[in-house]
Amino acid sequence: MTGKTFKRVGVVGAGVIGSGVGHLFAQAGHDVVLVDTRAEQLDTARGWIGRNARMFAFLGKDLPPPGEVLPRIDFTTELGKLAGADFVIENITENWEMKREVHRALDRILSPGTPLAANTSAIPITRIAGVGRHPERVVGMHFMNPVPVMPMVEIIRAVHSTGGVMQAARTLVAEAGKQSITVNDSPGFVTNRVMMLMVNEAMFLVHEGVSSAPDVDRLFKTCFGHKMGPLETADLIGLDTVLLSLDTLYLEFNDSKYRPCPLLKRKVYAGQLGRKSGAGFHRYTED
């Protein structure tokens, strides 16, 4: 662990993004405590991390194999194990009530000087920071999926975030071999405030019968050089997360342009959540 400013990194939430965050810092040489309320989700996360580490190593991305990554991660249901962490990143679902309760608990567990990051798609970081007694130590860190290989992290400065916690976030990201850009707090920040509009409008095009999902994505990839089309991107994020993000943006801005597409709602109600469920706007099979 020589040379690491933050030896022990806590990660709360072992979903797709949270497990990716845990994987990222473990592959960078940090000790990671990955916490989730459900043991079965931790087992799933362990499988995801092992499979992804094998795939990244096989693809020649110069990343360590599972045998070097998994031993650095403590998979646990005990939130109290974060008490000794040097930096903690919360990654639970885009649900305000749940985030509020988790941050209240973290506020009791962590020492006042421990930097605490919220990884969210749309909820304002200042709102999250206001839950605890130490809002100055809270920062936003928006990781993109798949976390271990994406080159950039969006760091969000809340109203009370100190210069010290902002520098801590940038340092941690750099230690993981990633770039970062700092933005000021706003619902959706830069990336999701723009992207959610795009994917939602693409869904409306399919909903209205203007085009099919494959053709919408093909147009964006062919005409604009995008690596993924907007509906493929939505499937990768998770349609449930997209819906929660749009609901948050709609609530925060009180602007009808963020009204979720009815087709998106129908797919979420049907359990067609994208890649993680095997079907969304496209169908997916296990490799």
C-alpha atoms as a PDB file:
ATOM      1  CA  MET A   1       0.000   0.000   0.000  1.00  0.00           C
ATOM      2  CA  THR A   2       3.008   2.272  -0.202  1.00  0.00           C
ATOM      3  CA  GLY A   3       2.234   5.651  -1.688  1.00  0.00           C
ATOM      4  CA  LYS A   4      -1.526   5.532  -1.073  1.00  0.00           C
ATOM      5  CA  THR A   5      -2.953   8.569   0.703  1.00  0.00           C
ATOM      6  CA  PHE A   6      -6.094   6.613   1.619  1.00  0.00           C
ATOM      7  CA  LYS A   7      -5.249   3.056   2.644  1.00  0.00           C
ATOM      8  CA  ARG A   8      -8.765   1.841   3.497  1.00  0.00           C
ATOM      9  CA  VAL A   9     -11.722   2.842   1.301  1.00  0.00           C
ATOM     10  CA  GLY A  10     -15.293   2.163   2.379  1.00  0.00           C
ATOM     11  CA  VAL A  11     -17.939   1.514  -0.263  1.00  0.00           C
ATOM     12  CA  VAL A  12     -21.638   1.407   0.675  1.00  0.00           C
ATOM     13  CA  GLY A  13     -23.939  -0.427  -1.712  1.00  0.00           C
ATOM     14  CA  ALA A  14     -22.947  -3.514  -3.728  1.00  0.00           C
ATOM     15  CA  GLY A  15     -25.104  -3.008  -6.793  1.00  0.00           C
ATOM     16  CA  VAL A  16     -23.691  -2.644 -10.285  1.00  0.00           C
ATOM     17  CA  ILE A  17     -22.071   0.734  -9.605  1.00  0.00           C
ATOM     18  CA  GLY A  18     -21.066   0.066  -6.000  1.00  0.00           C
ATOM     19  CA  SER A  19     -19.392  -3.226  -6.879  1.00  0.00           C
ATOM     20  CA  GLY A  20     -17.630  -1.429  -9.711  1.00  0.00           C
ATOM     21  CA  VAL A  21     -16.370   1.240  -7.314  1.00  0.00           C
ATOM     22  CA  GLY A  22     -15.116  -1.445  -4.934  1.00  0.00           C
ATOM     23  CA  HIS A  23     -13.416  -3.209  -7.823  1.00  0.00           C
ATOM     24  CA  LEU A  24     -11.801   0.026  -9.009  1.00  0.00           C
ATOM     25  CA  PHE A  25     -10.108   0.840  -5.720  1.00  0.00           C
ATOM     26  CA  ALA A  26      -9.130  -2.757  -4.990  1.00  0.00           C
ATOM     27  CA  GLN A  27      -7.450  -3.060  -8.387  1.00  0.00           C
ATOM     28  CA  ALA A  28      -5.612   0.194  -7.608  1.00  0.00           C
ATOM     29  CA  GLY A  29      -4.144  -1.373  -4.448  1.00  0.00           C
ATOM     30  CA  HIS A  30      -6.457  -0.019  -1.751  1.00  0.00           C
ATOM     31  CA  ASP A  31      -8.045  -2.130   0.976  1.00  0.00           C
ATOM     32  CA  VAL A  32     -11.804  -1.973   0.411  1.00  0.00           C
ATOM     33  CA  VAL A  33     -14.739  -2.559   2.758  1.00  0.00           C
ATOM     34  CA  LEU A  34     -17.801  -3.243   0.583  1.00  0.00           C
ATOM     35  CA  VAL A  35     -21.038  -3.036   2.571  1.00  0.00           C
ATOM     36  CA  ASP A  36     -24.557  -4.072   1.626  1.00  0.00           C
ATOM     37  CA  THR A  37     -27.605  -4.931   3.708  1.00  0.00           C
ATOM     38  CA  ARG A  38     -28.090  -8.239   1.872  1.00  0.00           C
ATOM     39  CA  ALA A  39     -25.578 -11.079   1.985  1.00  0.00           C
ATOM     40  CA  GLU A  40     -26.902 -12.457  -1.302  1.00  0.00           C
ATOM     41  CA  GLN A  41     -26.144  -9.145  -3.019  1.00  0.00           C
ATOM     42  CA  LEU A  42     -22.594  -9.307  -1.715  1.00  0.00           C
ATOM     43  CA  ASP A  43     -22.278 -12.799  -3.201  1.00  0.00           C
ATOM     44  CA  THR A  44     -23.537 -11.428  -6.516  1.00  0.00           C
ATOM     45  CA  ALA A  45     -21.067  -8.544  -6.316  1.00  0.00           C
ATOM     46  CA  ARG A  46     -18.213 -10.966  -5.642  1.00  0.00           C
ATOM     47  CA  GLY A  47     -19.168 -12.870  -8.791  1.00  0.00           C
ATOM     48  CA  TRP A  48     -19.406  -9.684 -10.864  1.00  0.00           C
ATOM     49  CA  ILE A  49     -16.006  -8.454  -9.692  1.00  0.00           C
ATOM     50  CA  GLY A  50     -14.319 -11.795 -10.317  1.00  0.00           C
ATOM     51  CA  ARG A  51     -15.837 -12.131 -13.787  1.00  0.00           C
ATOM     52  CA  ASN A  52     -15.052  -8.546 -14.764  1.00  0.00           C
ATOM     53  CA  ALA A  53     -11.487  -8.767 -13.474  1.00  0.00           C
ATOM     54  CA  ARG A  54     -10.925 -11.892 -15.588  1.00  0.00           C
ATOM     55  CA  MET A  55     -12.433 -10.202 -18.633  1.00  0.00           C
ATOM     56  CA  PHE A  56     -10.418  -6.982 -18.259  1.00  0.00           C
ATOM     57  CA  ALA A  57      -7.184  -8.936 -17.809  1.00  0.00           C
ATOM     58  CA  PHE A  58      -8.020 -11.129 -20.831  1.00  0.00           C
ATOM     59  CA  LEU A  59      -8.736  -8.077 -22.982  1.00  0.00           C
ATOM     60  CA  GLY A  60      -5.265  -6.788 -22.242  1.00  0.00           C
ATOM     61  CA  LYS A  61      -6.294  -3.692 -20.320  1.00  0.00           C
ATOM     62  CA  ASP A  62      -3.255  -4.054 -18.029  1.00  0.00           C
ATOM     63  CA  LEU A  63      -5.480  -4.602 -14.985  1.00  0.00           C
ATOM     64  CA  PRO A  64      -4.898  -7.153 -12.198  1.00  0.00           C
ATOM     65  CA  PRO A  65      -6.691 -10.546 -12.261  1.00  0.00           C
ATOM     66  CA  PRO A  66      -9.276 -11.697  -9.664  1.00  0.00           C
ATOM     67  CA  GLY A  67      -6.589 -13.295  -7.511  1.00  0.00           C
ATOM     68  CA  GLU A  68      -5.124  -9.862  -6.828  1.00  0.00           C
ATOM     69  CA  VAL A  69      -8.397  -7.918  -6.597  1.00  0.00           C
ATOM     70  CA  LEU A  70     -10.786 -10.030  -4.496  1.00  0.00           C
ATOM     71  CA  PRO A  71      -8.452 -10.574  -1.487  1.00  0.00           C
ATOM     72  CA  ARG A  72      -8.338  -6.791  -0.988  1.00  0.00           C
ATOM     73  CA  ILE A  73     -12.127  -6.558  -0.546  1.00  0.00           C
ATOM     74  CA  ASP A  74     -13.946  -7.245   2.728  1.00  0.00           C
ATOM     75  CA  PHE A  75     -17.534  -8.119   1.745  1.00  0.00           C
ATOM     76  CA  THR A  76     -19.733  -7.379   4.757  1.00  0.00           C
ATOM     77  CA  THR A  77     -23.237  -6.521   5.945  1.00  0.00           C
ATOM     78  CA  GLU A  78     -21.844  -4.622   8.944  1.00  0.00           C
ATOM     79  CA  LEU A  79     -21.918  -0.856   8.377  1.00  0.00           C
ATOM     80  CA  GLY A  80     -19.896  -0.411  11.582  1.00  0.00           C
ATOM     81  CA  LYS A  81     -16.813  -1.836   9.841  1.00  0.00           C
ATOM     82  CA  LEU A  82     -16.496   1.505   8.080  1.00  0.00           C
ATOM     83  CA  ALA A  83     -15.451   3.184  11.323  1.00  0.00           C
ATOM     84  CA  GLY A  84     -11.771   2.832  10.436  1.00  0.00           C
ATOM     85  CA  ALA A  85     -12.037   3.810   6.773  1.00  0.00           C
ATOM     86  CA  ASP A  86      -9.990   6.717   5.435  1.00  0.00           C
ATOM     87  CA  PHE A  87     -12.563   7.641   2.773  1.00  0.00           C
ATOM     88  CA  VAL A  88     -16.155   6.413   2.298  1.00  0.00           C
ATOM     89  CA  ILE A  89     -18.262   6.402  -0.875  1.00  0.00           C
ATOM     90  CA  GLU A  90     -22.019   5.793  -0.711  1.00  0.00           C
ATOM     91  CA  ASN A  91     -23.570   4.203  -3.828  1.00  0.00           C
ATOM     92  CA  ILE A  92     -27.049   2.980  -2.911  1.00  0.00           C
ATOM     93  CA  THR A  93     -30.120   3.273  -5.106  1.00  0.00           C
ATOM     94  CA  GLU A  94     -31.509   6.638  -6.285  1.00  0.00           C
ATOM     95  CA  ASN A  95     -34.043   6.856  -3.462  1.00  0.00           C
ATOM     96  CA  TRP A  96     -33.971   9.915  -1.213  1.00  0.00           C
ATOM     97  CA  GLU A  97     -35.467   8.276   1.871  1.00  0.00           C
ATOM     98  CA  MET A  98     -32.983   5.416   1.738  1.00  0.00           C
ATOM     99  CA  LYS A  99     -30.022   7.711   1.132  1.00  0.00           C
ATOM    100  CA  ARG A 100     -31.068   9.933   4.032  1.00  0.00           C
ATOM    101  CA  GLU A 101     -31.135   6.993   6.448  1.00  0.00           C
ATOM    102  CA  VAL A 102     -27.767   5.661   5.268  1.00  0.00           C
ATOM    103  CA  HIS A 103     -26.111   9.067   5.615  1.00  0.00           C
ATOM    104  CA  ARG A 104     -27.568   9.509   9.086  1.00  0.00           C
ATOM    105  CA  ALA A 105     -26.018   6.191  10.061  1.00  0.00           C
ATOM    106  CA  LEU A 106     -22.681   7.065   8.444  1.00  0.00           C
ATOM    107  CA  ASP A 107     -22.663  10.385  10.279  1.00  0.00           C
ATOM    108  CA  ARG A 108     -22.801   8.484  13.569  1.00  0.00           C
ATOM    109  CA  ILE A 109     -20.157   5.910  12.587  1.00  0.00           C
ATOM    110  CA  LEU A 110     -17.470   7.978  10.880  1.00  0.00           C
ATOM    111  CA  SER A 111     -15.089  10.365  12.586  1.00  0.00           C
ATOM    112  CA  PRO A 112     -15.738  14.034  11.712  1.00  0.00           C
ATOM    113  CA  GLY A 113     -12.646  14.278   9.547  1.00  0.00           C
ATOM    114  CA  THR A 114     -13.412  11.289   7.291  1.00  0.00           C
ATOM    115  CA  PRO A 115     -14.301  12.418   3.754  1.00  0.00           C
ATOM    116  CA  LEU A 116     -17.716  11.126   2.699  1.00  0.00           C
ATOM    117  CA  ALA A 117     -18.743  10.985  -0.956  1.00  0.00           C
ATOM    118  CA  ALA A 118     -22.233  10.495  -2.342  1.00  0.00           C
ATOM    119  CA  ASN A 119     -22.372   8.735  -5.703  1.00  0.00           C
ATOM    120  CA  THR A 120     -25.721   9.661  -7.202  1.00  0.00           C
ATOM    121  CA  SER A 121     -27.148  10.271 -10.650  1.00  0.00           C
ATOM    122  CA  ALA A 122     -29.321  13.282  -9.861  1.00  0.00           C
ATOM    123  CA  ILE A 123     -29.920  14.019  -6.161  1.00  0.00           C
ATOM    124  CA  PRO A 124     -28.256  17.317  -5.158  1.00  0.00           C
ATOM    125  CA  ILE A 125     -25.172  16.716  -3.022  1.00  0.00           C
ATOM    126  CA  THR A 126     -26.013  19.696  -0.798  1.00  0.00           C
ATOM    127  CA  ARG A 127     -29.291  18.012   0.132  1.00  0.00           C
ATOM    128  CA  ILE A 128     -27.461  14.837   1.091  1.00  0.00           C
ATOM    129  CA  ALA A 129     -24.791  16.768   3.026  1.00  0.00           C
ATOM    130  CA  GLY A 130     -27.482  18.481   5.097  1.00  0.00           C
ATOM    131  CA  VAL A 131     -28.464  15.162   6.681  1.00  0.00           C
ATOM    132  CA  GLY A 132     -25.378  14.960   8.903  1.00  0.00           C
ATOM    133  CA  ARG A 133     -23.622  17.109  11.484  1.00  0.00           C
ATOM    134  CA  HIS A 134     -20.573  17.626   9.249  1.00  0.00           C
ATOM    135  CA  PRO A 135     -21.769  18.789   5.819  1.00  0.00           C
ATOM    136  CA  GLU A 136     -18.338  20.233   5.112  1.00  0.00           C
ATOM    137  CA  ARG A 137     -16.846  16.732   4.672  1.00  0.00           C
ATOM    138  CA  VAL A 138     -19.395  15.646   2.030  1.00  0.00           C
ATOM    139  CA  VAL A 139     -18.587  15.690  -1.696  1.00  0.00           C
ATOM    140  CA  GLY A 140     -20.213  14.226  -4.779  1.00  0.00           C
ATOM    141  CA  MET A 141     -18.413  11.592  -6.869  1.00  0.00           C
ATOM    142  CA  HIS A 142     -20.282  10.480  -9.978  1.00  0.00           C
ATOM    143  CA  PHE A 143     -18.777   7.285 -11.391  1.00  0.00           C
ATOM    144  CA  MET A 144     -19.733   5.994 -14.841  1.00  0.00           C
ATOM    145  CA  ASN A 145     -20.444   2.362 -15.689  1.00  0.00           C
ATOM    146  CA  PRO A 146     -18.365   0.207 -16.098  1.00  0.00           C
ATOM    147  CA  VAL A 147     -16.482   1.901 -13.289  1.00  0.00           C
ATOM    148  CA  PRO A 148     -13.125   0.039 -13.429  1.00  0.00           C
ATOM    149  CA  VAL A 149     -12.444   1.010 -17.050  1.00  0.00           C
ATOM    150  CA  MET A 150     -14.131   4.392 -17.487  1.00  0.00           C
ATOM    151  CA  PRO A 151     -11.425   7.098 -17.546  1.00  0.00           C
ATOM    152  CA  MET A 152     -13.299  10.010 -15.923  1.00  0.00           C
ATOM    153  CA  VAL A 153     -15.071  10.775 -12.634  1.00  0.00           C
ATOM    154  CA  GLU A 154     -17.316  13.800 -12.170  1.00  0.00           C
ATOM    155  CA  ILE A 155     -16.612  15.400  -8.770  1.00  0.00           C
ATOM    156  CA  ILE A 156     -19.325  17.676  -7.391  1.00  0.00           C
ATOM    157  CA  ARG A 157     -18.726  20.559  -4.995  1.00  0.00           C
ATOM    158  CA  ALA A 158     -21.666  21.055  -2.607  1.00  0.00           C
ATOM    159  CA  VAL A 159     -22.358  24.353  -0.834  1.00  0.00           C
ATOM    160  CA  HIS A 160     -20.426  23.383   2.312  1.00  0.00           C
ATOM    161  CA  SER A 161     -17.694  21.196   0.761  1.00  0.00           C
ATOM    162  CA  THR A 162     -14.287  22.368   1.966  1.00  0.00           C
ATOM    163  CA  GLY A 163     -11.226  22.751  -0.217  1.00  0.00           C
ATOM    164  CA  GLY A 164      -9.689  19.905   1.759  1.00  0.00           C
ATOM    165  CA  VAL A 165     -12.436  17.401   0.983  1.00  0.00           C
ATOM    166  CA  MET A 166     -12.436  18.434  -2.674  1.00  0.00           C
ATOM    167  CA  GLN A 167      -8.695  17.808  -2.889  1.00  0.00           C
ATOM    168  CA  ALA A 168      -9.138  14.486  -1.068  1.00  0.00           C
ATOM    169  CA  ALA A 169     -11.655  13.351  -3.692  1.00  0.00           C
ATOM    170  CA  ARG A 170      -9.378  14.376  -6.552  1.00  0.00           C
ATOM    171  CA  THR A 171      -6.428  12.609  -4.927  1.00  0.00           C
ATOM    172  CA  LEU A 172      -8.374   9.385  -4.407  1.00  0.00           C
ATOM    173  CA  VAL A 173      -9.527   9.367  -8.026  1.00  0.00           C
ATOM    174  CA  ALA A 174      -5.980  10.020  -9.246  1.00  0.00           C
ATOM    175  CA  GLU A 175      -4.649   7.169  -7.093  1.00  0.00           C
ATOM    176  CA  ALA A 176      -7.060   4.886  -8.947  1.00  0.00           C
ATOM    177  CA  GLY A 177      -5.553   6.038 -12.239  1.00  0.00           C
ATOM    178  CA  LYS A 178      -8.567   8.111 -13.295  1.00  0.00           C
ATOM    179  CA  GLN A 179      -9.086  11.683 -14.417  1.00  0.00           C
ATOM    180  CA  SER A 180     -11.584  13.987 -12.744  1.00  0.00           C
ATOM    181  CA  ILE A 181     -13.483  17.158 -13.528  1.00  0.00           C
ATOM    182  CA  THR A 182     -14.968  19.274 -10.749  1.00  0.00           C
ATOM    183  CA  VAL A 183     -18.392  20.864 -11.183  1.00  0.00           C
ATOM    184  CA  ASN A 184     -20.695  22.798  -8.878  1.00  0.00           C
ATOM    185  CA  ASP A 185     -23.770  21.216  -7.359  1.00  0.00           C
ATOM    186  CA  SER A 186     -26.951  21.033  -9.422  1.00  0.00           C
ATOM    187  CA  PRO A 187     -29.518  18.223  -9.833  1.00  0.00           C
ATOM    188  CA  GLY A 188     -28.006  15.821 -12.364  1.00  0.00           C
ATOM    189  CA  PHE A 189     -24.740  17.836 -12.387  1.00  0.00           C
ATOM    190  CA  VAL A 190     -23.395  18.146 -15.967  1.00  0.00           C
ATOM    191  CA  THR A 191     -23.430  14.607 -17.326  1.00  0.00           C
ATOM    192  CA  ASN A 192     -26.838  13.364 -16.241  1.00  0.00           C
ATOM    193  CA  ARG A 193     -28.643  16.665 -16.592  1.00  0.00           C
ATOM    194  CA  VAL A 194     -27.874  16.496 -20.312  1.00  0.00           C
ATOM    195  CA  MET A 195     -27.816  12.737 -20.847  1.00  0.00           C
ATOM    196  CA  MET A 196     -31.157  12.006 -19.166  1.00  0.00           C
ATOM    197  CA  LEU A 197     -32.849  14.470 -21.513  1.00  0.00           C
ATOM    198  CA  MET A 198     -31.286  12.707 -24.489  1.00  0.00           C
ATOM    199  CA  VAL A 199     -32.179   9.157 -23.467  1.00  0.00           C
ATOM    200  CA  ASN A 200     -35.705  10.190 -22.458  1.00  0.00           C
ATOM    201  CA  GLU A 201     -36.303  11.873 -25.820  1.00  0.00           C
ATOM    202  CA  ALA A 202     -34.959   8.788 -27.599  1.00  0.00           C
ATOM    203  CA  MET A 203     -37.487   6.716 -25.658  1.00  0.00           C
ATOM    204  CA  PHE A 204     -40.292   9.047 -26.747  1.00  0.00           C
ATOM    205  CA  LEU A 205     -39.251   8.465 -30.386  1.00  0.00           C
ATOM    206  CA  VAL A 206     -39.750   4.724 -29.913  1.00  0.00           C
ATOM    207  CA  HIS A 207     -42.922   5.269 -27.867  1.00  0.00           C
ATOM    208  CA  GLU A 208     -44.426   7.419 -30.648  1.00  0.00           C
ATOM    209  CA  GLY A 209     -43.469   4.978 -33.408  1.00  0.00           C
ATOM    210  CA  VAL A 210     -41.063   7.383 -35.092  1.00  0.00           C
ATOM    211  CA  SER A 211     -38.277   4.795 -35.113  1.00  0.00           C
ATOM    212  CA  SER A 212     -37.199   1.489 -33.604  1.00  0.00           C
ATOM    213  CA  ALA A 213     -34.721   1.248 -30.725  1.00  0.00           C
ATOM    214  CA  PRO A 214     -31.990  -0.387 -32.890  1.00  0.00           C
ATOM    215  CA  ASP A 215     -32.332   2.308 -35.542  1.00  0.00           C
ATOM    216  CA  VAL A 216     -32.236   5.166 -33.015  1.00  0.00           C
ATOM    217  CA  ASP A 217     -29.004   3.792 -31.574  1.00  0.00           C
ATOM    218  CA  ARG A 218     -27.528   3.090 -34.999  1.00  0.00           C
ATOM    219  CA  LEU A 219     -28.165   6.687 -36.107  1.00  0.00           C
ATOM    220  CA  PHE A 220     -26.310   8.100 -33.114  1.00  0.00           C
ATOM    221  CA  LYS A 221     -23.381   5.722 -33.495  1.00  0.00           C
ATOM    222  CA  THR A 222     -23.078   6.166 -37.243  1.00  0.00           C
ATOM    223  CA  CYS A 223     -23.844   9.869 -37.607  1.00  0.00           C
ATOM    224  CA  PHE A 224     -22.231  11.218 -34.449  1.00  0.00           C
ATOM    225  CA  GLY A 225     -19.573   8.643 -33.671  1.00  0.00           C
ATOM    226  CA  HIS A 226     -21.047   7.665 -30.304  1.00  0.00           C
ATOM    227  CA  LYS A 227     -19.714   4.356 -28.984  1.00  0.00           C
ATOM    228  CA  MET A 228     -23.189   3.519 -27.698  1.00  0.00           C
ATOM    229  CA  GLY A 229     -26.597   4.784 -28.734  1.00  0.00           C
ATOM    230  CA  PRO A 230     -28.848   6.544 -26.173  1.00  0.00           C
ATOM    231  CA  LEU A 231     -31.056   3.492 -25.602  1.00  0.00           C
ATOM    232  CA  GLU A 232     -28.066   1.153 -25.242  1.00  0.00           C
ATOM    233  CA  THR A 233     -26.728   3.655 -22.709  1.00  0.00           C
ATOM    234  CA  ALA A 234     -30.017   3.635 -20.814  1.00  0.00           C
ATOM    235  CA  ASP A 235     -29.986  -0.175 -20.740  1.00  0.00           C
ATOM    236  CA  LEU A 236     -26.430  -0.129 -19.376  1.00  0.00           C
ATOM    237  CA  ILE A 237     -27.311   2.361 -16.634  1.00  0.00           C
ATOM    238  CA  GLY A 238     -30.460   0.433 -15.718  1.00  0.00           C
ATOM    239  CA  LEU A 239     -33.920   1.655 -16.705  1.00  0.00           C
ATOM    240  CA  ASP A 240     -35.008   1.753 -13.052  1.00  0.00           C
ATOM    241  CA  THR A 241     -32.120   4.123 -12.293  1.00  0.00           C
ATOM    242  CA  VAL A 242     -32.976   6.230 -15.344  1.00  0.00           C
ATOM    243  CA  LEU A 243     -36.585   6.520 -14.153  1.00  0.00           C
ATOM    244  CA  LEU A 244     -35.557   7.493 -10.621  1.00  0.00           C
ATOM    245  CA  SER A 245     -33.116  10.055 -12.027  1.00  0.00           C
ATOM    246  CA  LEU A 246     -35.749  11.624 -14.282  1.00  0.00           C
ATOM    247  CA  ASP A 247     -38.235  11.702 -11.405  1.00  0.00           C
ATOM    248  CA  THR A 248     -35.635  13.538  -9.297  1.00  0.00           C
ATOM    249  CA  LEU A 249     -34.843  16.047 -12.053  1.00  0.00           C
ATOM    250  CA  TYR A 250     -38.563  16.619 -12.635  1.00  0.00           C
ATOM    251  CA  LEU A 251     -39.097  17.232  -8.908  1.00  0.00           C
ATOM    252  CA  GLU A 252     -36.032  19.437  -8.401  1.00  0.00           C
ATOM    253  CA  PHE A 253     -36.496  21.665 -11.472  1.00  0.00           C
ATOM    254  CA  ASN A 254     -40.302  21.507 -11.675  1.00  0.00           C
ATOM    255  CA  ASP A 255     -39.824  21.431 -15.451  1.00  0.00           C
ATOM    256  CA  SER A 256     -41.948  19.255 -17.743  1.00  0.00           C
ATOM    257  CA  LYS A 257     -39.014  18.577 -20.065  1.00  0.00           C
ATOM    258  CA  TYR A 258     -37.875  15.952 -17.535  1.00  0.00           C
ATOM    259  CA  ARG A 259     -41.250  14.108 -17.561  1.00  0.00           C
ATOM    260  CA  PRO A 260     -40.374  10.387 -17.911  1.00  0.00           C
ATOM    261  CA  CYS A 261     -41.514   8.665 -21.073  1.00  0.00           C
ATOM    262  CA  PRO A 262     -44.525   6.338 -20.469  1.00  0.00           C
ATOM    263  CA  LEU A 263     -42.691   3.538 -22.287  1.00  0.00           C
ATOM    264  CA  LEU A 264     -39.842   3.805 -19.783  1.00  0.00           C
ATOM    265  CA  LYS A 265     -42.294   3.453 -16.901  1.00  0.00           C
ATOM    266  CA  ARG A 266     -43.953   0.444 -18.530  1.00  0.00           C
ATOM    267  CA  LYS A 267     -40.635  -1.332 -19.005  1.00  0.00           C
ATOM    268  CA  VAL A 268     -39.626  -0.703 -15.392  1.00  0.00           C
ATOM    269  CA  TYR A 269     -42.995  -1.959 -14.135  1.00  0.00           C
ATOM    270  CA  ALA A 270     -42.475  -5.091 -16.268  1.00  0.00           C
ATOM    271  CA  GLY A 271     -39.024  -5.710 -14.790  1.00  0.00           C
ATOM    272  CA  GLN A 272     -37.318  -5.015 -18.107  1.00  0.00           C
ATOM    273  CA  LEU A 273     -34.483  -3.003 -16.590  1.00  0.00           C
ATOM    274  CA  GLY A 274     -31.806  -3.322 -19.259  1.00  0.00           C
ATOM    275  CA  ARG A 275     -28.601  -5.326 -19.214  1.00  0.00           C
ATOM    276  CA  LYS A 276     -28.916  -6.388 -15.587  1.00  0.00           C
ATOM    277  CA  SER A 277     -32.282  -8.088 -16.213  1.00  0.00           C
ATOM    278  CA  GLY A 278     -31.500  -9.386 -19.703  1.00  0.00           C
ATOM    279  CA  ALA A 279     -33.919  -7.104 -21.527  1.00  0.00           C
ATOM    280  CA  GLY A 280     -34.736  -3.409 -21.798  1.00  0.00           C
ATOM    281  CA  PHE A 281     -34.847  -1.552 -25.079  1.00  0.00           C
ATOM    282  CA  HIS A 282     -32.639  -4.375 -26.369  1.00  0.00           C
ATOM    283  CA  ARG A 283     -32.223  -8.029 -25.372  1.00  0.00           C
ATOM    284  CA  TYR A 284     -29.059  -9.391 -23.791  1.00  0.00           C
ATOM    285  CA  THR A 285     -27.623 -12.850 -23.193  1.00  0.00           C
ATOM    286  CA  GLU A 286     -24.884 -13.919 -20.804  1.00  0.00           C
ATOM    287  CA  ASP A 287     -21.465 -14.152 -22.453  1.00  0.00           C
END
